[in-house]
């Protein structure tokens, strides 16, 4: 009888662990915030030689990071759970942002400025997807951005920066909506969210 009780307890613990991990996965929040920010950058790609979009990103990036961090912190406090891998995620995100800025600036308004940041963000999302409990949606969004960057570079359109902004924004928002629906479905199956304290 003790063996059966132990097996039942282990199954219940695994269910609680999976529910807690699912509650912490609020990638939809970051996707929707950044998708909006990326789409808002599109008009700036049409001003001048790329300097306007550079200024936009110098202002929008710290603001977006602050909004995302505050939203995640508020969400974690509301559900009463904190992700133990936050520092690793922060390191990947910082690397991704620095790489995007360096590639954007190095391109001096040319093709590298348009697709370099897109590919840097894509690689960062793939890394986050792998590290973050093998989150396939995050990894697929990153893959889609890498493919979009390569397609734009090969096609060499007249306005690669505009296409990159619109494509990245669309991918990001679509991933956010899918992640939000996935989380809602998971919560419907497993019961209500943990109560506020």
N, C-alpha and C. Protein backbone atom coordinates (compact mmCIF):
# COMPACT_ATOMS: atom_id res chain seq x y z
N UNK A 1 0.82 -1.20 0.00
CA UNK A 1 0.00 0.00 0.00
C UNK A 1 0.86 1.26 0.00
N UNK A 2 2.01 1.23 0.73
CA UNK A 2 2.87 2.39 0.81
C UNK A 2 3.44 2.73 -0.57
N UNK A 3 3.74 1.70 -1.36
CA UNK A 3 4.27 1.92 -2.71
C UNK A 3 3.24 2.65 -3.58
N UNK A 4 1.99 2.23 -3.50
CA UNK A 4 0.92 2.87 -4.28
C UNK A 4 0.71 4.31 -3.83
N UNK A 5 0.78 4.56 -2.50
CA UNK A 5 0.64 5.93 -1.99
C UNK A 5 1.79 6.81 -2.47
N UNK A 6 2.99 6.27 -2.47
CA UNK A 6 4.15 7.03 -2.93
C UNK A 6 4.02 7.36 -4.42
N UNK A 7 3.57 6.40 -5.22
CA UNK A 7 3.39 6.64 -6.65
C UNK A 7 2.33 7.71 -6.90
N UNK A 8 1.25 7.65 -6.14
CA UNK A 8 0.19 8.66 -6.27
C UNK A 8 0.72 10.04 -5.89
N UNK A 9 1.47 10.12 -4.81
CA UNK A 9 2.04 11.40 -4.37
C UNK A 9 2.99 11.96 -5.41
N UNK A 10 3.83 11.10 -6.00
CA UNK A 10 4.75 11.56 -7.04
C UNK A 10 4.00 12.09 -8.26
N UNK A 11 2.91 11.41 -8.64
CA UNK A 11 2.11 11.87 -9.78
C UNK A 11 1.48 13.24 -9.47
N UNK A 12 0.98 13.39 -8.24
CA UNK A 12 0.38 14.67 -7.85
C UNK A 12 1.41 15.79 -7.82
N UNK A 13 2.63 15.48 -7.33
CA UNK A 13 3.70 16.48 -7.33
C UNK A 13 4.08 16.89 -8.75
N UNK A 14 4.13 15.93 -9.66
CA UNK A 14 4.46 16.23 -11.05
C UNK A 14 3.38 17.11 -11.67
N UNK A 15 2.12 16.86 -11.34
CA UNK A 15 1.02 17.69 -11.84
C UNK A 15 1.14 19.11 -11.32
N UNK A 16 1.45 19.26 -10.03
CA UNK A 16 1.63 20.59 -9.44
C UNK A 16 2.81 21.29 -10.08
N UNK A 17 3.91 20.56 -10.31
CA UNK A 17 5.10 21.15 -10.92
C UNK A 17 4.81 21.63 -12.33
N UNK A 18 4.11 20.82 -13.12
CA UNK A 18 3.77 21.22 -14.49
C UNK A 18 2.83 22.41 -14.50
N UNK A 19 1.89 22.45 -13.57
CA UNK A 19 0.96 23.58 -13.50
C UNK A 19 1.71 24.86 -13.12
N UNK A 20 2.65 24.76 -12.18
CA UNK A 20 3.44 25.93 -11.78
C UNK A 20 4.29 26.41 -12.95
N UNK A 21 4.93 25.49 -13.66
CA UNK A 21 5.75 25.85 -14.82
C UNK A 21 4.88 26.51 -15.90
N UNK A 22 3.69 25.98 -16.12
CA UNK A 22 2.78 26.57 -17.10
C UNK A 22 2.33 27.95 -16.69
N UNK A 23 2.09 28.16 -15.39
CA UNK A 23 1.68 29.48 -14.91
C UNK A 23 2.78 30.51 -15.09
N UNK A 24 4.03 30.07 -14.94
CA UNK A 24 5.16 30.99 -15.09
C UNK A 24 5.43 31.35 -16.55
N UNK A 25 4.98 30.53 -17.47
CA UNK A 25 5.27 30.78 -18.88
C UNK A 25 4.33 31.84 -19.43
N UNK A 26 4.74 33.07 -19.30
CA UNK A 26 3.94 34.19 -19.80
C UNK A 26 4.66 34.83 -20.98
N UNK A 27 5.16 34.00 -21.89
CA UNK A 27 5.86 34.54 -23.05
C UNK A 27 4.94 35.41 -23.89
N UNK A 28 3.63 35.16 -23.80
CA UNK A 28 2.68 35.96 -24.54
C UNK A 28 2.81 37.45 -24.20
N UNK A 29 3.13 37.72 -22.95
CA UNK A 29 3.24 39.10 -22.48
C UNK A 29 4.38 39.82 -23.21
N UNK A 30 5.56 39.22 -23.23
CA UNK A 30 6.70 39.83 -23.91
C UNK A 30 6.46 39.89 -25.42
N UNK A 31 5.88 38.86 -25.98
CA UNK A 31 5.62 38.86 -27.42
C UNK A 31 4.69 40.01 -27.81
N UNK A 32 3.62 40.20 -27.05
CA UNK A 32 2.67 41.26 -27.40
C UNK A 32 3.26 42.65 -27.19
N UNK A 33 4.01 42.83 -26.11
CA UNK A 33 4.65 44.13 -25.87
C UNK A 33 5.63 44.44 -27.00
N UNK A 34 6.53 43.50 -27.30
CA UNK A 34 7.56 43.76 -28.31
C UNK A 34 7.01 43.76 -29.72
N UNK A 35 5.98 42.98 -29.97
CA UNK A 35 5.35 43.03 -31.30
C UNK A 35 4.79 44.40 -31.59
N UNK A 36 4.18 44.99 -30.58
CA UNK A 36 3.64 46.35 -30.72
C UNK A 36 4.77 47.36 -30.94
N UNK A 37 5.84 47.22 -30.17
CA UNK A 37 6.97 48.14 -30.30
C UNK A 37 7.61 48.01 -31.69
N UNK A 38 7.77 46.78 -32.17
CA UNK A 38 8.38 46.57 -33.48
C UNK A 38 7.50 47.14 -34.58
N UNK A 39 6.19 46.88 -34.52
CA UNK A 39 5.30 47.43 -35.55
C UNK A 39 5.32 48.96 -35.53
N UNK A 40 5.42 49.54 -34.34
CA UNK A 40 5.47 51.01 -34.24
C UNK A 40 6.75 51.57 -34.85
N UNK A 41 7.78 50.74 -35.02
CA UNK A 41 9.03 51.22 -35.62
C UNK A 41 8.93 51.36 -37.14
N UNK A 42 7.94 50.69 -37.75
CA UNK A 42 7.84 50.67 -39.22
C UNK A 42 7.81 52.07 -39.85
N UNK A 43 7.01 53.01 -39.36
CA UNK A 43 7.01 54.34 -39.99
C UNK A 43 8.38 55.03 -39.92
N UNK A 44 9.14 54.76 -38.88
CA UNK A 44 10.45 55.40 -38.73
C UNK A 44 11.46 54.90 -39.77
N UNK A 45 11.19 53.71 -40.35
CA UNK A 45 12.09 53.20 -41.39
C UNK A 45 11.96 54.02 -42.67
N UNK A 46 10.90 54.81 -42.77
CA UNK A 46 10.65 55.60 -43.98
C UNK A 46 11.20 57.02 -43.89
N UNK A 47 11.80 57.35 -42.76
CA UNK A 47 12.31 58.70 -42.54
C UNK A 47 13.83 58.71 -42.73
N UNK A 48 14.30 59.48 -43.67
CA UNK A 48 15.74 59.66 -43.87
C UNK A 48 16.46 58.39 -44.27
N UNK A 49 17.70 58.30 -43.84
CA UNK A 49 18.59 57.20 -44.25
C UNK A 49 18.72 56.11 -43.19
N UNK A 50 17.77 56.01 -42.29
CA UNK A 50 17.83 55.00 -41.24
C UNK A 50 18.16 55.56 -39.88
N UNK A 51 18.53 56.83 -39.82
CA UNK A 51 18.88 57.43 -38.53
C UNK A 51 17.66 57.53 -37.62
N UNK A 52 16.49 57.81 -38.21
CA UNK A 52 15.27 57.96 -37.40
C UNK A 52 14.91 56.65 -36.69
N UNK A 53 15.04 55.54 -37.42
CA UNK A 53 14.70 54.25 -36.80
C UNK A 53 15.74 53.90 -35.73
N UNK A 54 16.99 54.32 -35.95
CA UNK A 54 18.01 54.11 -34.92
C UNK A 54 17.69 54.86 -33.64
N UNK A 55 17.27 56.12 -33.79
CA UNK A 55 16.87 56.92 -32.62
C UNK A 55 15.65 56.29 -31.95
N UNK A 56 14.69 55.85 -32.78
CA UNK A 56 13.50 55.19 -32.22
C UNK A 56 13.91 54.02 -31.33
N UNK A 57 14.80 53.16 -31.83
CA UNK A 57 15.20 51.99 -31.07
C UNK A 57 16.02 52.35 -29.83
N UNK A 58 16.80 53.44 -29.91
CA UNK A 58 17.56 53.85 -28.72
C UNK A 58 16.62 54.30 -27.61
N UNK A 59 15.46 54.84 -27.96
CA UNK A 59 14.48 55.25 -26.95
C UNK A 59 13.54 54.10 -26.59
N UNK A 60 13.09 53.34 -27.60
CA UNK A 60 12.09 52.30 -27.38
C UNK A 60 12.64 51.09 -26.64
N UNK A 61 13.90 50.74 -26.87
CA UNK A 61 14.45 49.53 -26.26
C UNK A 61 14.48 49.61 -24.73
N UNK A 62 15.07 50.66 -24.13
CA UNK A 62 15.05 50.68 -22.67
C UNK A 62 13.64 50.78 -22.10
N UNK A 63 12.79 51.55 -22.79
CA UNK A 63 11.41 51.67 -22.33
C UNK A 63 10.70 50.32 -22.43
N UNK A 64 10.90 49.61 -23.55
CA UNK A 64 10.29 48.29 -23.72
C UNK A 64 10.79 47.27 -22.71
N UNK A 65 12.10 47.32 -22.44
CA UNK A 65 12.66 46.40 -21.44
C UNK A 65 12.08 46.69 -20.06
N UNK A 66 11.94 47.96 -19.73
CA UNK A 66 11.36 48.34 -18.43
C UNK A 66 9.91 47.89 -18.33
N UNK A 67 9.13 48.15 -19.36
CA UNK A 67 7.72 47.74 -19.36
C UNK A 67 7.61 46.23 -19.24
N UNK A 68 8.43 45.51 -20.01
CA UNK A 68 8.38 44.04 -19.97
C UNK A 68 8.78 43.52 -18.59
N UNK A 69 9.87 44.05 -18.04
CA UNK A 69 10.32 43.60 -16.72
C UNK A 69 9.24 43.88 -15.67
N UNK A 70 8.67 45.08 -15.68
CA UNK A 70 7.62 45.42 -14.70
C UNK A 70 6.40 44.52 -14.87
N UNK A 71 6.01 44.26 -16.11
CA UNK A 71 4.84 43.42 -16.35
C UNK A 71 5.09 41.99 -15.86
N UNK A 72 6.29 41.45 -16.14
CA UNK A 72 6.62 40.11 -15.66
C UNK A 72 6.67 40.06 -14.15
N UNK A 73 7.30 41.05 -13.53
CA UNK A 73 7.41 41.07 -12.07
C UNK A 73 6.01 41.12 -11.44
N UNK A 74 5.17 41.97 -11.98
CA UNK A 74 3.80 42.07 -11.47
C UNK A 74 3.05 40.75 -11.63
N UNK A 75 3.24 40.11 -12.79
CA UNK A 75 2.60 38.82 -13.05
C UNK A 75 3.10 37.77 -12.07
N UNK A 76 4.42 37.71 -11.86
CA UNK A 76 4.98 36.73 -10.92
C UNK A 76 4.45 36.95 -9.51
N UNK A 77 4.38 38.19 -9.09
CA UNK A 77 3.88 38.48 -7.75
C UNK A 77 2.40 38.13 -7.63
N UNK A 78 1.65 38.38 -8.70
CA UNK A 78 0.22 38.08 -8.67
C UNK A 78 -0.04 36.59 -8.54
N UNK A 79 0.75 35.76 -9.26
CA UNK A 79 0.53 34.31 -9.17
C UNK A 79 1.31 33.67 -8.04
N UNK A 80 2.24 34.42 -7.43
CA UNK A 80 2.98 33.90 -6.29
C UNK A 80 4.12 32.97 -6.65
N UNK A 81 4.64 33.06 -7.88
CA UNK A 81 5.74 32.20 -8.32
C UNK A 81 6.80 33.06 -8.99
N UNK A 82 8.07 32.67 -8.81
CA UNK A 82 9.18 33.37 -9.45
C UNK A 82 10.01 32.34 -10.20
N UNK A 83 10.39 32.65 -11.43
CA UNK A 83 11.18 31.73 -12.25
C UNK A 83 12.62 31.75 -11.77
N UNK A 84 13.18 30.61 -11.47
CA UNK A 84 14.54 30.53 -10.93
C UNK A 84 15.61 30.81 -11.99
N UNK A 85 15.24 30.83 -13.25
CA UNK A 85 16.21 31.04 -14.33
C UNK A 85 16.22 32.48 -14.84
N UNK A 86 15.69 33.40 -14.09
CA UNK A 86 15.58 34.79 -14.55
C UNK A 86 16.91 35.38 -14.99
N UNK A 87 17.97 35.10 -14.26
CA UNK A 87 19.28 35.68 -14.61
C UNK A 87 19.79 35.15 -15.94
N UNK A 88 19.57 33.88 -16.19
CA UNK A 88 19.98 33.31 -17.47
C UNK A 88 19.19 33.94 -18.61
N UNK A 89 17.88 34.09 -18.43
CA UNK A 89 17.06 34.74 -19.46
C UNK A 89 17.53 36.17 -19.68
N UNK A 90 17.83 36.88 -18.59
CA UNK A 90 18.30 38.27 -18.71
C UNK A 90 19.61 38.34 -19.49
N UNK A 91 20.51 37.38 -19.27
CA UNK A 91 21.78 37.37 -19.99
C UNK A 91 21.56 37.13 -21.48
N UNK A 92 20.67 36.20 -21.81
CA UNK A 92 20.38 35.94 -23.23
C UNK A 92 19.74 37.17 -23.87
N UNK A 93 18.80 37.79 -23.16
CA UNK A 93 18.12 38.97 -23.70
C UNK A 93 19.11 40.12 -23.88
N UNK A 94 19.99 40.32 -22.91
CA UNK A 94 20.99 41.39 -23.02
C UNK A 94 21.90 41.16 -24.22
N UNK A 95 22.35 39.92 -24.42
CA UNK A 95 23.20 39.59 -25.55
C UNK A 95 22.46 39.83 -26.87
N UNK A 96 21.20 39.43 -26.90
CA UNK A 96 20.37 39.59 -28.09
C UNK A 96 20.21 41.08 -28.43
N UNK A 97 19.94 41.91 -27.43
CA UNK A 97 19.74 43.35 -27.65
C UNK A 97 21.03 44.01 -28.10
N UNK A 98 22.15 43.69 -27.45
CA UNK A 98 23.44 44.28 -27.84
C UNK A 98 23.79 43.88 -29.27
N UNK A 99 23.60 42.60 -29.60
CA UNK A 99 23.91 42.14 -30.96
C UNK A 99 23.04 42.86 -31.99
N UNK A 100 21.76 43.04 -31.67
CA UNK A 100 20.86 43.74 -32.59
C UNK A 100 21.32 45.18 -32.81
N UNK A 101 21.70 45.87 -31.73
CA UNK A 101 22.18 47.25 -31.85
C UNK A 101 23.48 47.33 -32.66
N UNK A 102 24.41 46.44 -32.36
CA UNK A 102 25.70 46.45 -33.06
C UNK A 102 25.50 46.21 -34.56
N UNK A 103 24.69 45.20 -34.91
CA UNK A 103 24.46 44.90 -36.32
C UNK A 103 23.69 46.03 -37.00
N UNK A 104 22.71 46.59 -36.29
CA UNK A 104 21.95 47.70 -36.86
C UNK A 104 22.83 48.90 -37.16
N UNK A 105 23.72 49.24 -36.23
CA UNK A 105 24.62 50.38 -36.42
C UNK A 105 25.69 50.08 -37.46
N UNK A 106 26.20 48.86 -37.47
CA UNK A 106 27.27 48.49 -38.40
C UNK A 106 26.78 48.55 -39.85
N UNK A 107 25.50 48.32 -40.07
CA UNK A 107 24.96 48.32 -41.43
C UNK A 107 24.80 49.69 -42.03
N UNK A 108 24.89 50.74 -41.22
CA UNK A 108 24.80 52.13 -41.68
C UNK A 108 23.60 52.35 -42.60
N UNK A 109 22.46 51.80 -42.21
CA UNK A 109 21.23 52.01 -42.98
C UNK A 109 21.04 51.08 -44.16
N UNK A 110 21.98 50.18 -44.39
CA UNK A 110 21.89 49.25 -45.52
C UNK A 110 21.19 47.95 -45.14
N UNK A 111 21.44 46.91 -45.93
CA UNK A 111 20.79 45.62 -45.72
C UNK A 111 21.13 45.02 -44.36
N UNK A 112 22.37 45.16 -43.91
CA UNK A 112 22.75 44.62 -42.60
C UNK A 112 21.95 45.29 -41.49
N UNK A 113 21.67 46.59 -41.63
CA UNK A 113 20.86 47.29 -40.63
C UNK A 113 19.44 46.75 -40.58
N UNK A 114 18.94 46.31 -41.74
CA UNK A 114 17.57 45.80 -41.80
C UNK A 114 17.46 44.37 -41.27
N UNK A 115 18.36 43.49 -41.72
CA UNK A 115 18.21 42.07 -41.38
C UNK A 115 19.09 41.62 -40.23
N UNK A 116 20.17 42.34 -39.93
CA UNK A 116 21.06 41.94 -38.83
C UNK A 116 20.34 41.88 -37.49
N UNK A 117 19.63 42.95 -37.10
CA UNK A 117 18.90 42.89 -35.83
C UNK A 117 17.83 41.80 -35.82
N UNK A 118 17.17 41.61 -36.95
CA UNK A 118 16.13 40.58 -37.05
C UNK A 118 16.72 39.20 -36.79
N UNK A 119 17.86 38.92 -37.39
CA UNK A 119 18.51 37.62 -37.19
C UNK A 119 19.04 37.50 -35.76
N UNK A 120 19.60 38.57 -35.20
CA UNK A 120 20.09 38.54 -33.81
C UNK A 120 18.96 38.23 -32.84
N UNK A 121 17.82 38.87 -33.03
CA UNK A 121 16.66 38.61 -32.17
C UNK A 121 16.18 37.18 -32.38
N UNK A 122 16.18 36.72 -33.62
CA UNK A 122 15.76 35.35 -33.91
C UNK A 122 16.65 34.32 -33.21
N UNK A 123 17.96 34.52 -33.29
CA UNK A 123 18.89 33.59 -32.62
C UNK A 123 18.68 33.63 -31.11
N UNK A 124 18.47 34.83 -30.56
CA UNK A 124 18.21 34.95 -29.13
C UNK A 124 16.95 34.23 -28.72
N UNK A 125 15.90 34.33 -29.53
CA UNK A 125 14.65 33.63 -29.21
C UNK A 125 14.81 32.12 -29.29
N UNK A 126 15.59 31.65 -30.25
CA UNK A 126 15.85 30.20 -30.32
C UNK A 126 16.57 29.76 -29.04
N UNK A 127 17.56 30.54 -28.61
CA UNK A 127 18.28 30.20 -27.36
C UNK A 127 17.32 30.21 -26.18
N UNK A 128 16.46 31.23 -26.09
CA UNK A 128 15.48 31.27 -24.99
C UNK A 128 14.54 30.08 -25.05
N UNK A 129 14.10 29.73 -26.25
CA UNK A 129 13.20 28.59 -26.40
C UNK A 129 13.83 27.29 -25.95
N UNK A 130 15.12 27.13 -26.23
CA UNK A 130 15.82 25.91 -25.82
C UNK A 130 16.02 25.89 -24.31
N UNK A 131 16.45 27.02 -23.76
CA UNK A 131 16.74 27.10 -22.32
C UNK A 131 15.45 27.08 -21.49
N UNK A 132 14.43 27.71 -22.00
CA UNK A 132 13.19 27.87 -21.23
C UNK A 132 12.30 26.65 -21.40
N UNK A 133 12.73 25.56 -20.83
CA UNK A 133 11.95 24.32 -20.80
C UNK A 133 11.54 23.88 -22.20
N UNK A 134 12.46 24.08 -23.16
CA UNK A 134 12.20 23.67 -24.53
C UNK A 134 10.86 24.21 -25.04
N UNK A 135 10.69 25.52 -24.93
CA UNK A 135 9.47 26.18 -25.38
C UNK A 135 9.52 26.29 -26.90
N UNK A 136 8.81 25.41 -27.57
CA UNK A 136 8.88 25.33 -29.02
C UNK A 136 8.32 26.58 -29.70
N UNK A 137 7.31 27.20 -29.12
CA UNK A 137 6.73 28.39 -29.73
C UNK A 137 7.76 29.52 -29.79
N UNK A 138 8.49 29.72 -28.70
CA UNK A 138 9.53 30.76 -28.67
C UNK A 138 10.62 30.44 -29.70
N UNK A 139 11.03 29.18 -29.74
CA UNK A 139 12.06 28.77 -30.70
C UNK A 139 11.57 28.91 -32.14
N UNK A 140 10.32 28.52 -32.41
CA UNK A 140 9.78 28.65 -33.76
C UNK A 140 9.66 30.12 -34.17
N UNK A 141 9.28 30.99 -33.24
CA UNK A 141 9.22 32.42 -33.56
C UNK A 141 10.62 32.92 -33.94
N UNK A 142 11.62 32.48 -33.19
CA UNK A 142 13.00 32.84 -33.53
C UNK A 142 13.41 32.30 -34.88
N UNK A 143 13.06 31.05 -35.16
CA UNK A 143 13.37 30.47 -36.47
C UNK A 143 12.70 31.26 -37.59
N UNK A 144 11.45 31.64 -37.38
CA UNK A 144 10.72 32.41 -38.40
C UNK A 144 11.40 33.74 -38.67
N UNK A 145 11.93 34.38 -37.62
CA UNK A 145 12.63 35.66 -37.82
C UNK A 145 13.94 35.46 -38.59
N UNK A 146 14.66 34.40 -38.28
CA UNK A 146 15.90 34.11 -39.00
C UNK A 146 15.61 33.87 -40.48
N UNK A 147 14.58 33.06 -40.74
CA UNK A 147 14.21 32.77 -42.14
C UNK A 147 13.77 34.06 -42.84
N UNK A 148 12.97 34.88 -42.16
CA UNK A 148 12.54 36.15 -42.75
C UNK A 148 13.74 37.02 -43.09
N UNK A 149 14.71 37.11 -42.18
CA UNK A 149 15.91 37.89 -42.44
C UNK A 149 16.68 37.39 -43.65
N UNK A 150 16.81 36.08 -43.76
CA UNK A 150 17.52 35.49 -44.90
C UNK A 150 16.76 35.75 -46.20
N UNK A 151 15.44 35.58 -46.17
CA UNK A 151 14.62 35.81 -47.37
C UNK A 151 14.73 37.26 -47.82
N UNK A 152 14.66 38.20 -46.87
CA UNK A 152 14.78 39.61 -47.23
C UNK A 152 16.17 39.89 -47.83
N UNK A 153 17.21 39.34 -47.22
CA UNK A 153 18.57 39.57 -47.72
C UNK A 153 18.75 39.01 -49.13
N UNK A 154 18.22 37.82 -49.38
CA UNK A 154 18.34 37.20 -50.70
C UNK A 154 17.50 37.93 -51.74
N UNK A 155 16.27 38.31 -51.36
CA UNK A 155 15.36 38.99 -52.30
C UNK A 155 15.83 40.41 -52.61
N UNK A 156 16.53 41.02 -51.67
CA UNK A 156 17.06 42.37 -51.83
C UNK A 156 15.99 43.36 -52.32
N UNK A 157 14.89 43.51 -51.53
CA UNK A 157 13.81 44.43 -51.95
C UNK A 157 14.25 45.89 -51.82
N UNK A 158 13.43 46.78 -52.36
CA UNK A 158 13.73 48.21 -52.30
C UNK A 158 13.75 48.74 -50.87
N UNK A 159 12.88 48.21 -50.02
CA UNK A 159 12.76 48.72 -48.65
C UNK A 159 12.87 47.59 -47.62
N UNK A 160 14.07 47.04 -47.44
CA UNK A 160 14.22 45.89 -46.54
C UNK A 160 13.90 46.22 -45.08
N UNK A 161 14.18 47.45 -44.64
CA UNK A 161 13.93 47.80 -43.24
C UNK A 161 12.43 47.78 -42.92
N UNK A 162 11.62 48.29 -43.84
CA UNK A 162 10.17 48.28 -43.64
C UNK A 162 9.64 46.85 -43.61
N UNK A 163 10.09 46.03 -44.55
CA UNK A 163 9.65 44.62 -44.57
C UNK A 163 10.10 43.88 -43.31
N UNK A 164 11.31 44.15 -42.85
CA UNK A 164 11.80 43.50 -41.63
C UNK A 164 10.95 43.90 -40.43
N UNK A 165 10.62 45.20 -40.32
CA UNK A 165 9.82 45.66 -39.18
C UNK A 165 8.41 45.07 -39.21
N UNK A 166 7.78 45.11 -40.38
CA UNK A 166 6.43 44.57 -40.49
C UNK A 166 6.41 43.06 -40.28
N UNK A 167 7.39 42.36 -40.87
CA UNK A 167 7.44 40.90 -40.71
C UNK A 167 7.74 40.48 -39.29
N UNK A 168 8.73 41.13 -38.66
CA UNK A 168 9.07 40.79 -37.28
C UNK A 168 7.91 41.11 -36.35
N UNK A 169 7.28 42.26 -36.56
CA UNK A 169 6.13 42.62 -35.72
C UNK A 169 5.01 41.62 -35.84
N UNK A 170 4.71 41.19 -37.08
CA UNK A 170 3.64 40.22 -37.30
C UNK A 170 3.97 38.88 -36.66
N UNK A 171 5.20 38.41 -36.84
CA UNK A 171 5.61 37.13 -36.23
C UNK A 171 5.48 37.22 -34.71
N UNK A 172 5.94 38.32 -34.14
CA UNK A 172 5.95 38.47 -32.69
C UNK A 172 4.53 38.53 -32.12
N UNK A 173 3.67 39.30 -32.75
CA UNK A 173 2.29 39.40 -32.26
C UNK A 173 1.56 38.08 -32.44
N UNK A 174 1.76 37.42 -33.58
CA UNK A 174 1.12 36.11 -33.79
C UNK A 174 1.59 35.11 -32.73
N UNK A 175 2.88 35.09 -32.44
CA UNK A 175 3.39 34.19 -31.39
C UNK A 175 2.77 34.55 -30.04
N UNK A 176 2.61 35.84 -29.77
CA UNK A 176 1.99 36.26 -28.51
C UNK A 176 0.55 35.80 -28.39
N UNK A 177 -0.20 35.92 -29.47
CA UNK A 177 -1.60 35.48 -29.44
C UNK A 177 -1.70 33.96 -29.28
N UNK A 178 -0.82 33.23 -29.96
CA UNK A 178 -0.81 31.77 -29.82
C UNK A 178 -0.45 31.39 -28.38
N UNK A 179 0.58 32.04 -27.83
CA UNK A 179 1.01 31.73 -26.46
C UNK A 179 -0.09 32.06 -25.45
N UNK A 180 -0.78 33.16 -25.66
CA UNK A 180 -1.87 33.54 -24.75
C UNK A 180 -2.99 32.51 -24.80
N UNK A 181 -3.37 32.09 -26.00
CA UNK A 181 -4.43 31.09 -26.13
C UNK A 181 -3.98 29.75 -25.54
N UNK A 182 -2.71 29.41 -25.73
CA UNK A 182 -2.16 28.17 -25.17
C UNK A 182 -2.24 28.19 -23.65
N UNK A 183 -1.89 29.34 -23.04
CA UNK A 183 -1.95 29.43 -21.59
C UNK A 183 -3.39 29.38 -21.09
N UNK A 184 -4.29 30.08 -21.77
CA UNK A 184 -5.70 30.04 -21.37
C UNK A 184 -6.27 28.63 -21.45
N UNK A 185 -5.92 27.91 -22.51
CA UNK A 185 -6.39 26.52 -22.66
C UNK A 185 -5.85 25.65 -21.54
N UNK A 186 -4.57 25.85 -21.21
CA UNK A 186 -3.96 25.09 -20.13
C UNK A 186 -4.64 25.38 -18.80
N UNK A 187 -4.97 26.65 -18.55
CA UNK A 187 -5.64 27.01 -17.31
C UNK A 187 -7.06 26.45 -17.25
N UNK A 188 -7.74 26.41 -18.38
CA UNK A 188 -9.10 25.84 -18.39
C UNK A 188 -9.05 24.36 -18.07
N UNK A 189 -8.01 23.67 -18.57
CA UNK A 189 -7.88 22.23 -18.31
C UNK A 189 -7.49 21.93 -16.87
N UNK A 190 -6.63 22.80 -16.30
CA UNK A 190 -6.08 22.47 -14.98
C UNK A 190 -6.75 23.23 -13.82
N UNK A 191 -7.69 24.08 -14.12
CA UNK A 191 -8.38 24.79 -13.04
C UNK A 191 -7.94 26.23 -12.97
N UNK A 192 -8.45 26.96 -11.99
CA UNK A 192 -8.17 28.39 -11.88
C UNK A 192 -6.73 28.68 -11.53
N UNK A 193 -6.32 29.92 -11.86
CA UNK A 193 -4.98 30.42 -11.51
C UNK A 193 -4.85 30.48 -10.00
N UNK A 194 -3.60 30.35 -9.46
CA UNK A 194 -3.42 30.46 -8.01
C UNK A 194 -3.99 31.78 -7.48
N UNK A 195 -4.57 31.70 -6.30
CA UNK A 195 -5.22 32.88 -5.71
C UNK A 195 -4.21 33.94 -5.33
N UNK A 196 -4.66 35.20 -5.40
CA UNK A 196 -3.81 36.32 -4.98
C UNK A 196 -3.69 36.30 -3.47
N UNK A 197 -2.53 36.73 -2.97
CA UNK A 197 -2.37 36.76 -1.51
C UNK A 197 -2.47 38.16 -0.98
